[in-house]
PDB file of N, CA and C in Angstrom:
ATOM      1  N   MET A   1       0.822  -1.163  -0.092  1.00  0.00           N
ATOM      2  CA  MET A   1      -0.018   0.150   0.039  1.00  0.00           C
ATOM      3  C   MET A   1       0.883   1.383   0.324  1.00  0.00           C
ATOM      4  N   GLU A   2       2.145   1.053   0.726  1.00  0.00           N
ATOM      5  CA  GLU A   2       2.538   2.503   1.037  1.00  0.00           C
ATOM      6  C   GLU A   2       3.199   2.775  -0.332  1.00  0.00           C
ATOM      7  N   SER A   3       3.850   1.890  -0.945  1.00  0.00           N
ATOM      8  CA  SER A   3       4.296   1.893  -2.439  1.00  0.00           C
ATOM      9  C   SER A   3       3.493   2.444  -3.466  1.00  0.00           C
ATOM     10  N   ALA A   4       2.598   1.970  -3.509  1.00  0.00           N
ATOM     11  CA  ALA A   4       1.204   2.119  -4.489  1.00  0.00           C
ATOM     12  C   ALA A   4       0.832   3.759  -4.385  1.00  0.00           C
ATOM     13  N   LEU A   5       0.884   4.291  -2.798  1.00  0.00           N
ATOM     14  CA  LEU A   5       0.482   5.749  -2.601  1.00  0.00           C
ATOM     15  C   LEU A   5       1.755   6.582  -3.057  1.00  0.00           C
ATOM     16  N   GLY A   6       2.893   6.308  -3.031  1.00  0.00           N
ATOM     17  CA  GLY A   6       4.306   6.994  -3.017  1.00  0.00           C
ATOM     18  C   GLY A   6       4.755   7.981  -2.079  1.00  0.00           C
ATOM     19  N   GLY A   7       4.002   7.657  -0.805  1.00  0.00           N
ATOM     20  CA  GLY A   7       4.358   8.299   0.306  1.00  0.00           C
ATOM     21  C   GLY A   7       5.211   7.551   1.163  1.00  0.00           C
ATOM     22  N   PRO A   8       6.086   8.050   2.054  1.00  0.00           N
ATOM     23  CA  PRO A   8       6.296   7.087   3.144  1.00  0.00           C
ATOM     24  C   PRO A   8       5.589   7.497   4.240  1.00  0.00           C
ATOM     25  N   LEU A   9       5.343   6.177   4.907  1.00  0.00           N
ATOM     26  CA  LEU A   9       4.142   6.256   6.284  1.00  0.00           C
ATOM     27  C   LEU A   9       5.101   5.893   7.549  1.00  0.00           C
ATOM     28  N   ALA A  10       4.420   6.809   8.691  1.00  0.00           N
ATOM     29  CA  ALA A  10       5.294   7.080   9.854  1.00  0.00           C
ATOM     30  C   ALA A  10       4.617   5.956  10.739  1.00  0.00           C
ATOM     31  N   ASP A  11       4.748   5.906  11.816  1.00  0.00           N
ATOM     32  CA  ASP A  11       4.380   5.015  12.773  1.00  0.00           C
ATOM     33  C   ASP A  11       2.762   4.913  12.748  1.00  0.00           C
ATOM     34  N   ALA A  12       2.041   3.925  12.577  1.00  0.00           N
ATOM     35  CA  ALA A  12       0.615   3.465  12.948  1.00  0.00           C
ATOM     36  C   ALA A  12       0.077   3.838  11.823  1.00  0.00           C
ATOM     37  N   GLY A  13       0.218   4.059  10.522  1.00  0.00           N
ATOM     38  CA  GLY A  13      -0.209   4.732   9.500  1.00  0.00           C
ATOM     39  C   GLY A  13      -0.417   6.263   9.459  1.00  0.00           C
ATOM     40  N   ARG A  14       0.541   6.814  10.090  1.00  0.00           N
ATOM     41  CA  ARG A  14       0.410   8.421  10.048  1.00  0.00           C
ATOM     42  C   ARG A  14       1.152   8.886   9.058  1.00  0.00           C
ATOM     43  N   TRP A  15       0.793   9.787   8.288  1.00  0.00           N
ATOM     44  CA  TRP A  15       1.746  10.426   7.369  1.00  0.00           C
ATOM     45  C   TRP A  15       2.640  11.172   7.661  1.00  0.00           C
ATOM     46  N   THR A  16       4.032  11.474   7.281  1.00  0.00           N
ATOM     47  CA  THR A  16       4.919  12.226   8.047  1.00  0.00           C
ATOM     48  C   THR A  16       4.642  13.747   7.372  1.00  0.00           C
ATOM     49  N   ALA A  17       5.140  14.478   7.771  1.00  0.00           N
ATOM     50  CA  ALA A  17       4.806  15.902   7.530  1.00  0.00           C
ATOM     51  C   ALA A  17       5.734  16.390   5.912  1.00  0.00           C
ATOM     52  N   GLY A  18       5.436  17.144   5.097  1.00  0.00           N
ATOM     53  CA  GLY A  18       5.944  17.219   4.468  1.00  0.00           C
ATOM     54  C   GLY A  18       5.577  17.101   3.008  1.00  0.00           C
ATOM     55  N   HIS A  19       6.346  17.295   1.870  1.00  0.00           N
ATOM     56  CA  HIS A  19       5.998  16.756   0.471  1.00  0.00           C
ATOM     57  C   HIS A  19       6.022  15.162   0.498  1.00  0.00           C
ATOM     58  N   ILE A  20       4.931  14.778  -0.232  1.00  0.00           N
ATOM     59  CA  ILE A  20       4.647  13.355  -0.298  1.00  0.00           C
ATOM     60  C   ILE A  20       4.903  13.097  -2.047  1.00  0.00           C
ATOM     61  N   PRO A  21       6.127  12.363  -2.042  1.00  0.00           N
ATOM     62  CA  PRO A  21       6.536  12.048  -3.550  1.00  0.00           C
ATOM     63  C   PRO A  21       5.769  11.070  -4.038  1.00  0.00           C
ATOM     64  N   PHE A  22       4.764  11.458  -5.036  1.00  0.00           N
ATOM     65  CA  PHE A  22       4.146  10.371  -5.919  1.00  0.00           C
ATOM     66  C   PHE A  22       4.931   9.741  -6.733  1.00  0.00           C
ATOM     67  N   ASP A  23       4.555   8.499  -7.162  1.00  0.00           N
ATOM     68  CA  ASP A  23       5.188   8.042  -7.944  1.00  0.00           C
ATOM     69  C   ASP A  23       4.754   8.306  -9.445  1.00  0.00           C
ATOM     70  N   LYS A  24       5.191   7.968 -10.832  1.00  0.00           N
ATOM     71  CA  LYS A  24       4.706   8.627 -11.847  1.00  0.00           C
ATOM     72  C   LYS A  24       3.521   8.016 -11.982  1.00  0.00           C
ATOM     73  N   ASP A  25       2.873   6.899 -11.633  1.00  0.00           N
ATOM     74  CA  ASP A  25       1.688   6.283 -12.142  1.00  0.00           C
ATOM     75  C   ASP A  25       0.580   6.987 -11.279  1.00  0.00           C
ATOM     76  N   SER A  26       1.024   7.124 -10.028  1.00  0.00           N
ATOM     77  CA  SER A  26       0.025   7.719  -8.880  1.00  0.00           C
ATOM     78  C   SER A  26      -0.418   9.187  -9.753  1.00  0.00           C
ATOM     79  N   LYS A  27       0.933   9.927  -9.991  1.00  0.00           N
ATOM     80  CA  LYS A  27       0.762  11.351 -10.118  1.00  0.00           C
ATOM     81  C   LYS A  27      -0.288  11.544 -11.391  1.00  0.00           C
ATOM     82  N   ARG A  28       0.243  10.317 -12.488  1.00  0.00           N
ATOM     83  CA  ARG A  28      -0.540  10.583 -13.811  1.00  0.00           C
ATOM     84  C   ARG A  28      -2.114  10.266 -13.463  1.00  0.00           C
ATOM     85  N   VAL A  29      -2.544   9.434 -12.556  1.00  0.00           N
ATOM     86  CA  VAL A  29      -4.034   9.096 -12.207  1.00  0.00           C
ATOM     87  C   VAL A  29      -4.468  10.322 -11.465  1.00  0.00           C
ATOM     88  N   LEU A  30      -3.928  10.965 -10.737  1.00  0.00           N
ATOM     89  CA  LEU A  30      -4.242  12.099  -9.995  1.00  0.00           C
ATOM     90  C   LEU A  30      -4.967  13.245 -10.928  1.00  0.00           C
ATOM     91  N   GLU A  31      -3.796  13.490 -12.192  1.00  0.00           N
ATOM     92  CA  GLU A  31      -3.929  14.504 -13.040  1.00  0.00           C
ATOM     93  C   GLU A  31      -4.810  14.012 -13.917  1.00  0.00           C
ATOM     94  N   LEU A  32      -5.378  12.689 -14.331  1.00  0.00           N
ATOM     95  CA  LEU A  32      -6.573  12.612 -14.981  1.00  0.00           C
ATOM     96  C   LEU A  32      -7.486  12.575 -14.137  1.00  0.00           C
ATOM     97  N   ALA A  33      -7.408  12.672 -12.938  1.00  0.00           N
ATOM     98  CA  ALA A  33      -8.724  12.760 -11.965  1.00  0.00           C
ATOM     99  C   ALA A  33      -9.256  14.193 -11.901  1.00  0.00           C
ATOM    100  N   LEU A  34      -7.980  15.099 -12.021  1.00  0.00           N
ATOM    101  CA  LEU A  34      -8.458  16.712 -12.189  1.00  0.00           C
ATOM    102  C   LEU A  34      -8.958  16.861 -13.626  1.00  0.00           C
ATOM    103  N   ARG A  35      -8.776  16.272 -14.431  1.00  0.00           N
ATOM    104  CA  ARG A  35      -8.944  16.797 -15.592  1.00  0.00           C
ATOM    105  C   ARG A  35     -10.645  16.038 -15.830  1.00  0.00           C
ATOM    106  N   GLU A  36     -11.172  15.061 -15.346  1.00  0.00           N
ATOM    107  CA  GLU A  36     -12.417  14.762 -15.098  1.00  0.00           C
ATOM    108  C   GLU A  36     -13.050  15.428 -14.236  1.00  0.00           C
ATOM    109  N   ALA A  37     -12.724  15.975 -13.144  1.00  0.00           N
ATOM    110  CA  ALA A  37     -13.722  16.933 -12.428  1.00  0.00           C
ATOM    111  C   ALA A  37     -13.958  18.291 -13.245  1.00  0.00           C
ATOM    112  N   ILE A  38     -12.679  18.540 -13.956  1.00  0.00           N
ATOM    113  CA  ILE A  38     -12.917  19.906 -14.388  1.00  0.00           C
ATOM    114  C   ILE A  38     -14.138  19.739 -15.683  1.00  0.00           C
ATOM    115  N   SER A  39     -13.996  18.596 -16.402  1.00  0.00           N
ATOM    116  CA  SER A  39     -14.629  18.086 -17.588  1.00  0.00           C
ATOM    117  C   SER A  39     -15.886  17.990 -17.141  1.00  0.00           C
ATOM    118  N   LEU A  40     -16.346  17.964 -16.071  1.00  0.00           N
ATOM    119  CA  LEU A  40     -17.811  17.506 -15.301  1.00  0.00           C
ATOM    120  C   LEU A  40     -18.152  18.974 -14.569  1.00  0.00           C
ATOM    121  N   GLY A  41     -17.483  19.759 -14.832  1.00  0.00           N
ATOM    122  CA  GLY A  41     -17.687  21.163 -13.895  1.00  0.00           C
ATOM    123  C   GLY A  41     -17.682  21.211 -12.586  1.00  0.00           C
ATOM    124  N   HIS A  42     -17.269  20.232 -11.985  1.00  0.00           N
ATOM    125  CA  HIS A  42     -16.988  20.192 -10.652  1.00  0.00           C
ATOM    126  C   HIS A  42     -15.875  21.056  -9.804  1.00  0.00           C
ATOM    127  N   LYS A  43     -15.832  21.504  -9.112  1.00  0.00           N
ATOM    128  CA  LYS A  43     -14.951  22.471  -8.626  1.00  0.00           C
ATOM    129  C   LYS A  43     -14.036  21.636  -7.137  1.00  0.00           C
ATOM    130  N   GLU A  44     -14.188  20.534  -6.877  1.00  0.00           N
ATOM    131  CA  GLU A  44     -13.439  19.534  -6.128  1.00  0.00           C
ATOM    132  C   GLU A  44     -13.069  18.009  -6.988  1.00  0.00           C
ATOM    133  N   ILE A  45     -12.001  17.523  -6.085  1.00  0.00           N
ATOM    134  CA  ILE A  45     -11.664  16.384  -6.639  1.00  0.00           C
ATOM    135  C   ILE A  45     -12.185  15.276  -5.824  1.00  0.00           C
ATOM    136  N   GLY A  46     -13.094  14.287  -6.121  1.00  0.00           N
ATOM    137  CA  GLY A  46     -13.494  13.410  -5.233  1.00  0.00           C
ATOM    138  C   GLY A  46     -13.137  12.084  -5.606  1.00  0.00           C
ATOM    139  N   THR A  47     -13.731  11.123  -4.964  1.00  0.00           N
ATOM    140  CA  THR A  47     -13.247   9.629  -4.805  1.00  0.00           C
ATOM    141  C   THR A  47     -13.596   9.218  -6.601  1.00  0.00           C
ATOM    142  N   GLU A  48     -14.976   9.805  -6.869  1.00  0.00           N
ATOM    143  CA  GLU A  48     -15.413   9.462  -8.417  1.00  0.00           C
ATOM    144  C   GLU A  48     -14.586   9.998  -9.324  1.00  0.00           C
ATOM    145  N   HIS A  49     -13.913  10.858  -8.932  1.00  0.00           N
ATOM    146  CA  HIS A  49     -13.161  11.392 -10.207  1.00  0.00           C
ATOM    147  C   HIS A  49     -11.742  10.701 -10.315  1.00  0.00           C
ATOM    148  N   VAL A  50     -11.387  10.169  -9.096  1.00  0.00           N
ATOM    149  CA  VAL A  50     -10.082   9.446  -9.155  1.00  0.00           C
ATOM    150  C   VAL A  50     -10.687   7.965  -9.949  1.00  0.00           C
ATOM    151  N   LEU A  51     -11.783   7.603  -9.527  1.00  0.00           N
ATOM    152  CA  LEU A  51     -12.177   6.333  -9.971  1.00  0.00           C
ATOM    153  C   LEU A  51     -12.097   6.676 -11.950  1.00  0.00           C
ATOM    154  N   LEU A  52     -12.794   7.647 -12.227  1.00  0.00           N
ATOM    155  CA  LEU A  52     -12.632   7.803 -13.496  1.00  0.00           C
ATOM    156  C   LEU A  52     -11.168   7.953 -14.123  1.00  0.00           C
ATOM    157  N   GLY A  53     -10.179   8.679 -13.239  1.00  0.00           N
ATOM    158  CA  GLY A  53      -8.918   8.839 -13.472  1.00  0.00           C
ATOM    159  C   GLY A  53      -8.238   7.385 -13.895  1.00  0.00           C
ATOM    160  N   LEU A  54      -8.562   6.258 -12.680  1.00  0.00           N
ATOM    161  CA  LEU A  54      -7.962   5.215 -12.774  1.00  0.00           C
ATOM    162  C   LEU A  54      -8.378   4.462 -14.215  1.00  0.00           C
ATOM    163  N   ILE A  55      -9.787   4.732 -14.426  1.00  0.00           N
ATOM    164  CA  ILE A  55     -10.560   3.921 -15.607  1.00  0.00           C
ATOM    165  C   ILE A  55      -9.870   4.472 -16.855  1.00  0.00           C
ATOM    166  N   ARG A  56      -9.535   5.848 -16.950  1.00  0.00           N
ATOM    167  CA  ARG A  56      -8.823   6.426 -18.115  1.00  0.00           C
ATOM    168  C   ARG A  56      -7.471   6.144 -18.262  1.00  0.00           C
ATOM    169  N   ASP A  57      -6.781   5.778 -17.401  1.00  0.00           N
ATOM    170  CA  ASP A  57      -5.493   5.341 -17.382  1.00  0.00           C
ATOM    171  C   ASP A  57      -5.373   3.872 -18.047  1.00  0.00           C
ATOM    172  N   ALA A  58      -5.329   3.776 -19.436  1.00  0.00           N
ATOM    173  CA  ALA A  58      -5.456   2.557 -20.065  1.00  0.00           C
ATOM    174  C   ALA A  58      -4.386   1.780 -19.954  1.00  0.00           C
ATOM    175  N   SER A  59      -3.395   2.002 -19.437  1.00  0.00           N
ATOM    176  CA  SER A  59      -2.362   1.041 -19.066  1.00  0.00           C
ATOM    177  C   SER A  59      -2.628   0.433 -17.791  1.00  0.00           C
ATOM    178  N   GLY A  60      -3.426   1.190 -16.964  1.00  0.00           N
ATOM    179  CA  GLY A  60      -3.356   0.563 -15.620  1.00  0.00           C
ATOM    180  C   GLY A  60      -4.404  -0.898 -15.296  1.00  0.00           C
ATOM    181  N   PRO A  61      -4.288  -1.384 -14.404  1.00  0.00           N
ATOM    182  CA  PRO A  61      -5.136  -2.651 -13.887  1.00  0.00           C
ATOM    183  C   PRO A  61      -6.453  -2.348 -13.662  1.00  0.00           C
ATOM    184  N   VAL A  62      -6.873  -1.181 -13.242  1.00  0.00           N
ATOM    185  CA  VAL A  62      -8.510  -0.626 -13.215  1.00  0.00           C
ATOM    186  C   VAL A  62      -9.051  -0.479 -14.180  1.00  0.00           C
ATOM    187  N   ALA A  63      -8.464  -0.075 -15.366  1.00  0.00           N
ATOM    188  CA  ALA A  63      -8.829   0.055 -16.657  1.00  0.00           C
ATOM    189  C   ALA A  63      -9.257  -1.090 -17.387  1.00  0.00           C
ATOM    190  N   ALA A  64      -8.170  -2.105 -16.993  1.00  0.00           N
ATOM    191  CA  ALA A  64      -8.098  -3.453 -17.641  1.00  0.00           C
ATOM    192  C   ALA A  64      -9.399  -4.356 -17.260  1.00  0.00           C
ATOM    193  N   ALA A  65      -9.585  -4.172 -15.873  1.00  0.00           N
ATOM    194  CA  ALA A  65     -10.803  -4.715 -14.855  1.00  0.00           C
ATOM    195  C   ALA A  65     -11.998  -4.112 -15.435  1.00  0.00           C
ATOM    196  N   PHE A  66     -12.195  -3.072 -15.619  1.00  0.00           N
ATOM    197  CA  PHE A  66     -13.267  -2.374 -15.941  1.00  0.00           C
ATOM    198  C   PHE A  66     -13.696  -2.649 -17.579  1.00  0.00           C
ATOM    199  N   GLY A  67     -12.650  -2.615 -18.392  1.00  0.00           N
ATOM    200  CA  GLY A  67     -12.840  -3.144 -19.534  1.00  0.00           C
ATOM    201  C   GLY A  67     -13.732  -4.709 -19.711  1.00  0.00           C
ATOM    202  N   GLU A  68     -12.733  -5.467 -18.901  1.00  0.00           N
ATOM    203  CA  GLU A  68     -13.432  -6.943 -18.958  1.00  0.00           C
ATOM    204  C   GLU A  68     -14.631  -7.045 -18.251  1.00  0.00           C
ATOM    205  N   ALA A  69     -15.204  -6.216 -17.715  1.00  0.00           N
ATOM    206  CA  ALA A  69     -16.545  -6.313 -16.927  1.00  0.00           C
ATOM    207  C   ALA A  69     -17.513  -5.382 -18.378  1.00  0.00           C
ATOM    208  N   GLY A  70     -16.681  -5.034 -19.097  1.00  0.00           N
ATOM    209  CA  GLY A  70     -17.757  -4.376 -20.291  1.00  0.00           C
ATOM    210  C   GLY A  70     -18.057  -3.051 -19.663  1.00  0.00           C
ATOM    211  N   ILE A  71     -17.525  -2.132 -18.812  1.00  0.00           N
ATOM    212  CA  ILE A  71     -17.700  -0.904 -18.621  1.00  0.00           C
ATOM    213  C   ILE A  71     -16.833   0.103 -19.091  1.00  0.00           C
ATOM    214  N   THR A  72     -17.504   1.022 -19.907  1.00  0.00           N
ATOM    215  CA  THR A  72     -16.403   1.994 -20.638  1.00  0.00           C
ATOM    216  C   THR A  72     -16.468   3.084 -19.802  1.00  0.00           C
ATOM    217  N   LEU A  73     -15.415   3.986 -20.214  1.00  0.00           N
ATOM    218  CA  LEU A  73     -15.200   5.260 -19.337  1.00  0.00           C
ATOM    219  C   LEU A  73     -16.209   6.088 -19.573  1.00  0.00           C
ATOM    220  N   ALA A  74     -16.777   6.357 -20.850  1.00  0.00           N
ATOM    221  CA  ALA A  74     -18.058   7.032 -21.141  1.00  0.00           C
ATOM    222  C   ALA A  74     -19.429   6.631 -20.363  1.00  0.00           C
ATOM    223  N   ALA A  75     -19.291   5.343 -20.036  1.00  0.00           N
ATOM    224  CA  ALA A  75     -20.723   4.748 -19.106  1.00  0.00           C
ATOM    225  C   ALA A  75     -20.294   5.429 -17.897  1.00  0.00           C
ATOM    226  N   ALA A  76     -19.117   5.035 -17.417  1.00  0.00           N
ATOM    227  CA  ALA A  76     -18.682   5.649 -16.104  1.00  0.00           C
ATOM    228  C   ALA A  76     -18.789   7.063 -15.614  1.00  0.00           C
ATOM    229  N   ARG A  77     -18.631   7.832 -16.692  1.00  0.00           N
ATOM    230  CA  ARG A  77     -18.678   9.386 -16.535  1.00  0.00           C
ATOM    231  C   ARG A  77     -20.043   9.655 -16.535  1.00  0.00           C
ATOM    232  N   ALA A  78     -20.661   8.955 -17.418  1.00  0.00           N
ATOM    233  CA  ALA A  78     -22.440   9.097 -17.286  1.00  0.00           C
ATOM    234  C   ALA A  78     -22.982   8.908 -16.012  1.00  0.00           C
ATOM    235  N   ALA A  79     -22.534   8.033 -15.498  1.00  0.00           N
ATOM    236  CA  ALA A  79     -22.877   7.363 -13.985  1.00  0.00           C
ATOM    237  C   ALA A  79     -22.440   8.294 -12.932  1.00  0.00           C
ATOM    238  N   VAL A  80     -21.316   8.999 -13.141  1.00  0.00           N
ATOM    239  CA  VAL A  80     -20.849   9.922 -12.057  1.00  0.00           C
ATOM    240  C   VAL A  80     -21.627  11.320 -12.254  1.00  0.00           C
ATOM    241  N   ALA A  81     -21.901  11.795 -13.704  1.00  0.00           N
ATOM    242  CA  ALA A  81     -22.589  12.821 -13.745  1.00  0.00           C
ATOM    243  C   ALA A  81     -24.062  12.777 -13.241  1.00  0.00           C
ATOM    244  N   GLU A  82     -24.593  11.718 -13.667  1.00  0.00           N
ATOM    245  CA  GLU A  82     -26.137  11.381 -13.050  1.00  0.00           C
ATOM    246  C   GLU A  82     -26.159  11.564 -11.600  1.00  0.00           C
ATOM    247  N   ALA A  83     -25.027  10.590 -10.751  1.00  0.00           N
ATOM    248  CA  ALA A  83     -25.295  10.809  -9.318  1.00  0.00           C
ATOM    249  C   ALA A  83     -24.893  12.228  -8.794  1.00  0.00           C
ATOM    250  N   SER A  84     -24.171  12.968  -9.731  1.00  0.00           N
ATOM    251  CA  SER A  84     -23.884  14.145  -9.063  1.00  0.00           C
ATOM    252  C   SER A  84     -25.191  15.094  -9.184  1.00  0.00           C
ATOM    253  N   LYS A  85     -26.067  14.988 -10.344  1.00  0.00           N
ATOM    254  CA  LYS A  85     -27.116  15.516 -10.283  1.00  0.00           C
ATOM    255  C   LYS A  85     -28.235  15.249  -9.115  1.00  0.00           C
ATOM    256  N   ARG A  86     -28.140  14.157  -8.935  1.00  0.00           N
ATOM    257  CA  ARG A  86     -29.112  13.773  -7.934  1.00  0.00           C
ATOM    258  C   ARG A  86     -28.924  14.293  -6.350  1.00  0.00           C
ATOM    259  N   ALA A  87     -27.331  14.050  -6.268  1.00  0.00           N
ATOM    260  CA  ALA A  87     -26.984  14.610  -4.869  1.00  0.00           C
ATOM    261  C   ALA A  87     -27.006  16.063  -4.981  1.00  0.00           C
ATOM    262  N   GLY A  88     -26.822  16.553  -5.963  1.00  0.00           N
ATOM    263  CA  GLY A  88     -26.675  18.129  -6.148  1.00  0.00           C
ATOM    264  C   GLY A  88     -27.480  19.258  -5.506  1.00  0.00           C
TER     265      GLY A  88
END
């Protein structure tokens, strides 16, 4: 878990203070999440945007798993947009 997030963990799962150096894959997914939030007109990045970023990262295992399940990025994006309208 620690290496996947790219940041060093202190004792008992607490983050250390300072800069968290994300690895290139984590950084790419966060950038994609930001783009998804912006494209949906949202002012904050939420877990739904991170999920869309993971799906949008075609080289990652999440995109592969969703693809195998027949769930496209467009379908996931539409579901997030619909859920946002209902919550809104």
